[in-house]
Amino acid sequence: MNQTFEDILSKLLDWKENSGNQDIVELLKEKKDELGLSDESMALILESFGYLDNFTEKSAALAEAQENGISRKRWLASDLGKSLDKYNEEEKAHILNDVMDKIDETINLQSEEE
């Protein structure tokens, strides 16, 4: 059985809708054999769910920050700063400056396209 990620996700969402509030990861584990998933495929799908969860959490945190009057750029700098705790202050400043320069460049390009 050779299914695409979209096929698997579509089936999982249908099953979830029909099963009430069952956790999607638990549902996936239950349906693993029915979907014909290998352990490697399961790991990839679970990793994808982790990325989606992280994205959702970051989006909610950004929305909350913006409601509190914090700009996207300032929120991102703060969030990146937390992620860079293992670096010394000089390395952290250099990385943040590079990232913020790229963000500014991207925003400017988007503004020009609009």
C-alpha atoms as a PDB file:
ATOM      1  CA  MET A   1       0.000   0.000   0.000  1.00  0.00           C
ATOM      2  CA  ASN A   2       1.717   3.129  -1.222  1.00  0.00           C
ATOM      3  CA  GLN A   3      -0.093   6.181   0.137  1.00  0.00           C
ATOM      4  CA  THR A   4       0.906   9.806   0.119  1.00  0.00           C
ATOM      5  CA  PHE A   5       1.146  11.969   3.210  1.00  0.00           C
ATOM      6  CA  GLU A   6      -1.998  13.794   2.040  1.00  0.00           C
ATOM      7  CA  ASP A   7      -3.918  10.487   1.767  1.00  0.00           C
ATOM      8  CA  ILE A   8      -2.890   9.477   5.272  1.00  0.00           C
ATOM      9  CA  LEU A   9      -3.668  12.880   6.725  1.00  0.00           C
ATOM     10  CA  SER A  10      -7.063  12.969   5.010  1.00  0.00           C
ATOM     11  CA  LYS A  11      -7.989   9.560   6.424  1.00  0.00           C
ATOM     12  CA  LEU A  12      -6.779  10.525   9.890  1.00  0.00           C
ATOM     13  CA  LEU A  13      -8.820  13.711   9.860  1.00  0.00           C
ATOM     14  CA  ASP A  14     -11.921  11.804   8.745  1.00  0.00           C
ATOM     15  CA  TRP A  15     -11.399   9.223  11.501  1.00  0.00           C
ATOM     16  CA  LYS A  16     -10.810  11.968  14.055  1.00  0.00           C
ATOM     17  CA  GLU A  17     -13.999  13.724  13.047  1.00  0.00           C
ATOM     18  CA  ASN A  18     -15.928  10.476  13.499  1.00  0.00           C
ATOM     19  CA  SER A  19     -14.250   9.487  16.774  1.00  0.00           C
ATOM     20  CA  GLY A  20     -14.927  12.624  18.799  1.00  0.00           C
ATOM     21  CA  ASN A  21     -12.067  14.086  20.765  1.00  0.00           C
ATOM     22  CA  GLN A  22      -9.580  11.247  20.434  1.00  0.00           C
ATOM     23  CA  ASP A  23      -5.970  12.426  20.335  1.00  0.00           C
ATOM     24  CA  ILE A  24      -4.676  12.376  16.752  1.00  0.00           C
ATOM     25  CA  VAL A  25      -1.398  10.705  17.751  1.00  0.00           C
ATOM     26  CA  GLU A  26      -3.221   7.914  19.576  1.00  0.00           C
ATOM     27  CA  LEU A  27      -5.540   7.518  16.605  1.00  0.00           C
ATOM     28  CA  LEU A  28      -2.539   7.276  14.284  1.00  0.00           C
ATOM     29  CA  LYS A  29      -0.984   4.576  16.466  1.00  0.00           C
ATOM     30  CA  GLU A  30      -4.254   2.626  16.404  1.00  0.00           C
ATOM     31  CA  LYS A  31      -4.571   2.897  12.620  1.00  0.00           C
ATOM     32  CA  LYS A  32      -0.899   2.280  11.813  1.00  0.00           C
ATOM     33  CA  ASP A  33      -1.435  -1.235  10.461  1.00  0.00           C
ATOM     34  CA  GLU A  34      -4.611  -0.309   8.609  1.00  0.00           C
ATOM     35  CA  LEU A  35      -2.689   2.467   6.864  1.00  0.00           C
ATOM     36  CA  GLY A  36       0.236   0.147   6.134  1.00  0.00           C
ATOM     37  CA  LEU A  37       2.755   2.427   7.831  1.00  0.00           C
ATOM     38  CA  SER A  38       6.287   1.361   8.636  1.00  0.00           C
ATOM     39  CA  ASP A  39       7.973   2.456  11.843  1.00  0.00           C
ATOM     40  CA  GLU A  40       9.969   4.962   9.780  1.00  0.00           C
ATOM     41  CA  SER A  41       6.799   6.403   8.244  1.00  0.00           C
ATOM     42  CA  MET A  42       5.202   6.648  11.681  1.00  0.00           C
ATOM     43  CA  ALA A  43       8.225   8.521  12.981  1.00  0.00           C
ATOM     44  CA  LEU A  44       8.083  10.978  10.063  1.00  0.00           C
ATOM     45  CA  ILE A  45       4.375  11.628  10.533  1.00  0.00           C
ATOM     46  CA  LEU A  46       4.772  12.089  14.283  1.00  0.00           C
ATOM     47  CA  GLU A  47       7.672  14.467  13.628  1.00  0.00           C
ATOM     48  CA  SER A  48       5.428  16.414  11.224  1.00  0.00           C
ATOM     49  CA  PHE A  49       2.744  16.676  13.905  1.00  0.00           C
ATOM     50  CA  GLY A  50       5.381  18.021  16.277  1.00  0.00           C
ATOM     51  CA  TYR A  51       6.269  20.745  13.776  1.00  0.00           C
ATOM     52  CA  LEU A  52       2.595  21.600  13.323  1.00  0.00           C
ATOM     53  CA  ASP A  53       2.086  21.781  17.094  1.00  0.00           C
ATOM     54  CA  ASN A  54       5.143  24.015  17.429  1.00  0.00           C
ATOM     55  CA  PHE A  55       3.894  26.265  14.640  1.00  0.00           C
ATOM     56  CA  THR A  56       0.488  26.534  16.314  1.00  0.00           C
ATOM     57  CA  GLU A  57       2.068  27.431  19.654  1.00  0.00           C
ATOM     58  CA  LYS A  58       4.330  30.051  18.058  1.00  0.00           C
ATOM     59  CA  SER A  59       1.407  31.549  16.125  1.00  0.00           C
ATOM     60  CA  ALA A  60      -0.656  31.837  19.307  1.00  0.00           C
ATOM     61  CA  ALA A  61       2.265  33.400  21.180  1.00  0.00           C
ATOM     62  CA  LEU A  62       2.797  35.932  18.389  1.00  0.00           C
ATOM     63  CA  ALA A  63      -0.905  36.813  18.299  1.00  0.00           C
ATOM     64  CA  GLU A  64      -0.906  37.329  22.061  1.00  0.00           C
ATOM     65  CA  ALA A  65       2.213  39.493  21.869  1.00  0.00           C
ATOM     66  CA  GLN A  66       0.654  41.631  19.139  1.00  0.00           C
ATOM     67  CA  GLU A  67      -2.492  42.070  21.252  1.00  0.00           C
ATOM     68  CA  ASN A  68      -0.178  43.397  23.963  1.00  0.00           C
ATOM     69  CA  GLY A  69       1.354  45.920  21.565  1.00  0.00           C
ATOM     70  CA  ILE A  70       4.556  43.997  20.840  1.00  0.00           C
ATOM     71  CA  SER A  71       5.689  44.126  17.219  1.00  0.00           C
ATOM     72  CA  ARG A  72       6.325  40.970  15.240  1.00  0.00           C
ATOM     73  CA  LYS A  73       9.975  41.915  14.911  1.00  0.00           C
ATOM     74  CA  ARG A  74      10.410  42.471  18.652  1.00  0.00           C
ATOM     75  CA  TRP A  75       8.592  39.220  19.470  1.00  0.00           C
ATOM     76  CA  LEU A  76      10.749  37.294  17.002  1.00  0.00           C
ATOM     77  CA  ALA A  77      13.949  38.794  18.400  1.00  0.00           C
ATOM     78  CA  SER A  78      12.877  37.820  21.910  1.00  0.00           C
ATOM     79  CA  ASP A  79      11.916  34.297  20.865  1.00  0.00           C
ATOM     80  CA  LEU A  80      15.162  33.821  18.953  1.00  0.00           C
ATOM     81  CA  GLY A  81      17.098  35.179  21.917  1.00  0.00           C
ATOM     82  CA  LYS A  82      15.613  32.444  24.104  1.00  0.00           C
ATOM     83  CA  SER A  83      16.633  29.842  21.521  1.00  0.00           C
ATOM     84  CA  LEU A  84      20.210  31.072  21.512  1.00  0.00           C
ATOM     85  CA  ASP A  85      20.900  30.677  25.238  1.00  0.00           C
ATOM     86  CA  LYS A  86      23.808  28.314  24.561  1.00  0.00           C
ATOM     87  CA  TYR A  87      25.747  31.065  22.775  1.00  0.00           C
ATOM     88  CA  ASN A  88      27.728  33.865  24.409  1.00  0.00           C
ATOM     89  CA  GLU A  89      26.413  37.429  24.139  1.00  0.00           C
ATOM     90  CA  GLU A  90      28.647  38.375  21.205  1.00  0.00           C
ATOM     91  CA  GLU A  91      27.643  35.319  19.154  1.00  0.00           C
ATOM     92  CA  LYS A  92      23.999  35.836  20.076  1.00  0.00           C
ATOM     93  CA  ALA A  93      24.090  39.494  18.970  1.00  0.00           C
ATOM     94  CA  HIS A  94      25.743  38.564  15.670  1.00  0.00           C
ATOM     95  CA  ILE A  95      23.163  35.844  14.911  1.00  0.00           C
ATOM     96  CA  LEU A  96      20.239  38.080  15.866  1.00  0.00           C
ATOM     97  CA  ASN A  97      21.552  40.930  13.719  1.00  0.00           C
ATOM     98  CA  ASP A  98      21.914  38.632  10.708  1.00  0.00           C
ATOM     99  CA  VAL A  99      18.426  37.204  11.170  1.00  0.00           C
ATOM    100  CA  MET A 100      16.855  40.623  11.669  1.00  0.00           C
ATOM    101  CA  ASP A 101      18.621  41.938   8.561  1.00  0.00           C
ATOM    102  CA  LYS A 102      17.119  39.067   6.556  1.00  0.00           C
ATOM    103  CA  ILE A 103      13.683  39.746   8.013  1.00  0.00           C
ATOM    104  CA  ASP A 104      13.953  43.415   7.076  1.00  0.00           C
ATOM    105  CA  GLU A 105      15.070  42.426   3.579  1.00  0.00           C
ATOM    106  CA  THR A 106      12.112  40.044   3.222  1.00  0.00           C
ATOM    107  CA  ILE A 107       9.630  42.635   4.475  1.00  0.00           C
ATOM    108  CA  ASN A 108      11.029  45.205   2.060  1.00  0.00           C
ATOM    109  CA  LEU A 109      10.728  42.763  -0.848  1.00  0.00           C
ATOM    110  CA  GLN A 110       7.148  41.943   0.113  1.00  0.00           C
ATOM    111  CA  SER A 111       6.294  45.630   0.355  1.00  0.00           C
ATOM    112  CA  GLU A 112       7.737  46.272  -3.100  1.00  0.00           C
ATOM    113  CA  GLU A 113       5.697  43.397  -4.573  1.00  0.00           C
ATOM    114  CA  GLU A 114       2.469  44.751  -3.106  1.00  0.00           C
END
